[in-house]
Amino acid sequence: MVNNSNLVPTAPDRAIRMPEVIQLTGMSRTSIYEAIKSGTFPKGFLIGKRARGWMLSTVMNWLQEKAEAHYE
């Protein structure tokens, strides 16, 4: 098992938009929406008529789960 404590944010939780999700995950916009559609990525929430957001903690937890699954 790998120690992923450095993946957990130390700043207060906040909503993030797609550009930051892309930067954090290394995934493309298309890959993220395909993963949402298949149920393998958190769908986030609407923060406007056409704007979607994710809680930073949700994305970081998803990344940590992926990392832990990889090292099992």
C-alpha atoms as a PDB file:
ATOM      1  CA  MET A   1       0.000   0.000   0.000  1.00  0.00           C
ATOM      2  CA  VAL A   2       1.280   3.445  -0.873  1.00  0.00           C
ATOM      3  CA  ASN A   3       1.094   6.477   1.396  1.00  0.00           C
ATOM      4  CA  ASN A   4      -1.050   9.008  -0.429  1.00  0.00           C
ATOM      5  CA  SER A   5      -1.402  11.506   2.395  1.00  0.00           C
ATOM      6  CA  ASN A   6       0.130  14.139   0.124  1.00  0.00           C
ATOM      7  CA  LEU A   7      -2.932  13.858  -2.162  1.00  0.00           C
ATOM      8  CA  VAL A   8      -5.316  15.101   0.526  1.00  0.00           C
ATOM      9  CA  PRO A   9      -5.720  18.870   0.281  1.00  0.00           C
ATOM     10  CA  THR A  10      -4.750  20.914   3.316  1.00  0.00           C
ATOM     11  CA  ALA A  11      -6.689  23.986   2.199  1.00  0.00           C
ATOM     12  CA  PRO A  12     -10.397  24.326   2.983  1.00  0.00           C
ATOM     13  CA  ASP A  13     -12.663  22.453   0.610  1.00  0.00           C
ATOM     14  CA  ARG A  14     -13.919  24.480  -2.340  1.00  0.00           C
ATOM     15  CA  ALA A  15     -15.700  24.095  -5.636  1.00  0.00           C
ATOM     16  CA  ILE A  16     -13.469  23.682  -8.685  1.00  0.00           C
ATOM     17  CA  ARG A  17     -14.257  23.982 -12.383  1.00  0.00           C
ATOM     18  CA  MET A  18     -13.314  21.780 -15.324  1.00  0.00           C
ATOM     19  CA  PRO A  19      -9.882  23.326 -16.074  1.00  0.00           C
ATOM     20  CA  GLU A  20      -8.704  22.477 -12.564  1.00  0.00           C
ATOM     21  CA  VAL A  21     -10.240  18.983 -12.733  1.00  0.00           C
ATOM     22  CA  ILE A  22      -8.319  18.430 -15.965  1.00  0.00           C
ATOM     23  CA  GLN A  23      -5.100  19.679 -14.358  1.00  0.00           C
ATOM     24  CA  LEU A  24      -5.536  17.533 -11.228  1.00  0.00           C
ATOM     25  CA  THR A  25      -6.499  14.311 -13.001  1.00  0.00           C
ATOM     26  CA  GLY A  26      -4.444  14.574 -16.175  1.00  0.00           C
ATOM     27  CA  MET A  27      -7.560  13.510 -18.078  1.00  0.00           C
ATOM     28  CA  SER A  28      -9.023  15.274 -21.099  1.00  0.00           C
ATOM     29  CA  ARG A  29     -12.429  16.967 -20.968  1.00  0.00           C
ATOM     30  CA  THR A  30     -13.836  14.228 -23.209  1.00  0.00           C
ATOM     31  CA  SER A  31     -12.432  11.449 -21.007  1.00  0.00           C
ATOM     32  CA  ILE A  32     -13.904  13.072 -17.901  1.00  0.00           C
ATOM     33  CA  TYR A  33     -17.378  13.312 -19.430  1.00  0.00           C
ATOM     34  CA  GLU A  34     -17.146   9.728 -20.707  1.00  0.00           C
ATOM     35  CA  ALA A  35     -16.170   8.583 -17.197  1.00  0.00           C
ATOM     36  CA  ILE A  36     -19.102  10.526 -15.723  1.00  0.00           C
ATOM     37  CA  LYS A  37     -21.444   8.882 -18.220  1.00  0.00           C
ATOM     38  CA  SER A  38     -20.109   5.410 -17.345  1.00  0.00           C
ATOM     39  CA  GLY A  39     -20.362   6.134 -13.617  1.00  0.00           C
ATOM     40  CA  THR A  40     -16.620   5.916 -12.915  1.00  0.00           C
ATOM     41  CA  PHE A  41     -16.073   9.612 -12.165  1.00  0.00           C
ATOM     42  CA  PRO A  42     -18.096  11.914  -9.875  1.00  0.00           C
ATOM     43  CA  LYS A  43     -20.648  13.882 -11.875  1.00  0.00           C
ATOM     44  CA  GLY A  44     -20.285  17.059  -9.854  1.00  0.00           C
ATOM     45  CA  PHE A  45     -23.052  19.618  -9.639  1.00  0.00           C
ATOM     46  CA  LEU A  46     -24.428  22.543 -11.597  1.00  0.00           C
ATOM     47  CA  ILE A  47     -23.218  25.909 -10.355  1.00  0.00           C
ATOM     48  CA  GLY A  48     -24.909  27.859 -13.118  1.00  0.00           C
ATOM     49  CA  LYS A  49     -27.021  27.288 -16.210  1.00  0.00           C
ATOM     50  CA  ARG A  50     -24.106  25.754 -18.102  1.00  0.00           C
ATOM     51  CA  ALA A  51     -21.348  25.554 -15.500  1.00  0.00           C
ATOM     52  CA  ARG A  52     -20.448  22.347 -13.665  1.00  0.00           C
ATOM     53  CA  GLY A  53     -18.350  22.179 -10.526  1.00  0.00           C
ATOM     54  CA  TRP A  54     -16.808  19.534  -8.306  1.00  0.00           C
ATOM     55  CA  MET A  55     -15.778  19.751  -4.697  1.00  0.00           C
ATOM     56  CA  LEU A  56     -11.999  19.599  -4.494  1.00  0.00           C
ATOM     57  CA  SER A  57     -12.229  16.912  -1.801  1.00  0.00           C
ATOM     58  CA  THR A  58     -14.386  14.722  -4.062  1.00  0.00           C
ATOM     59  CA  VAL A  59     -11.859  14.828  -6.898  1.00  0.00           C
ATOM     60  CA  MET A  60      -8.919  14.298  -4.525  1.00  0.00           C
ATOM     61  CA  ASN A  61     -10.662  11.307  -2.901  1.00  0.00           C
ATOM     62  CA  TRP A  62     -11.328   9.852  -6.367  1.00  0.00           C
ATOM     63  CA  LEU A  63      -7.630  10.235  -7.230  1.00  0.00           C
ATOM     64  CA  GLN A  64      -6.578   8.631  -3.955  1.00  0.00           C
ATOM     65  CA  GLU A  65      -8.905   5.655  -4.550  1.00  0.00           C
ATOM     66  CA  LYS A  66      -7.444   5.210  -8.032  1.00  0.00           C
ATOM     67  CA  ALA A  67      -3.892   5.331  -6.668  1.00  0.00           C
ATOM     68  CA  GLU A  68      -4.653   2.852  -3.875  1.00  0.00           C
ATOM     69  CA  ALA A  69      -6.344   0.450  -6.310  1.00  0.00           C
ATOM     70  CA  HIS A  70      -3.284   0.622  -8.555  1.00  0.00           C
ATOM     71  CA  TYR A  71      -0.906  -0.382  -5.744  1.00  0.00           C
ATOM     72  CA  GLU A  72      -3.005  -3.194  -4.254  1.00  0.00           C
END
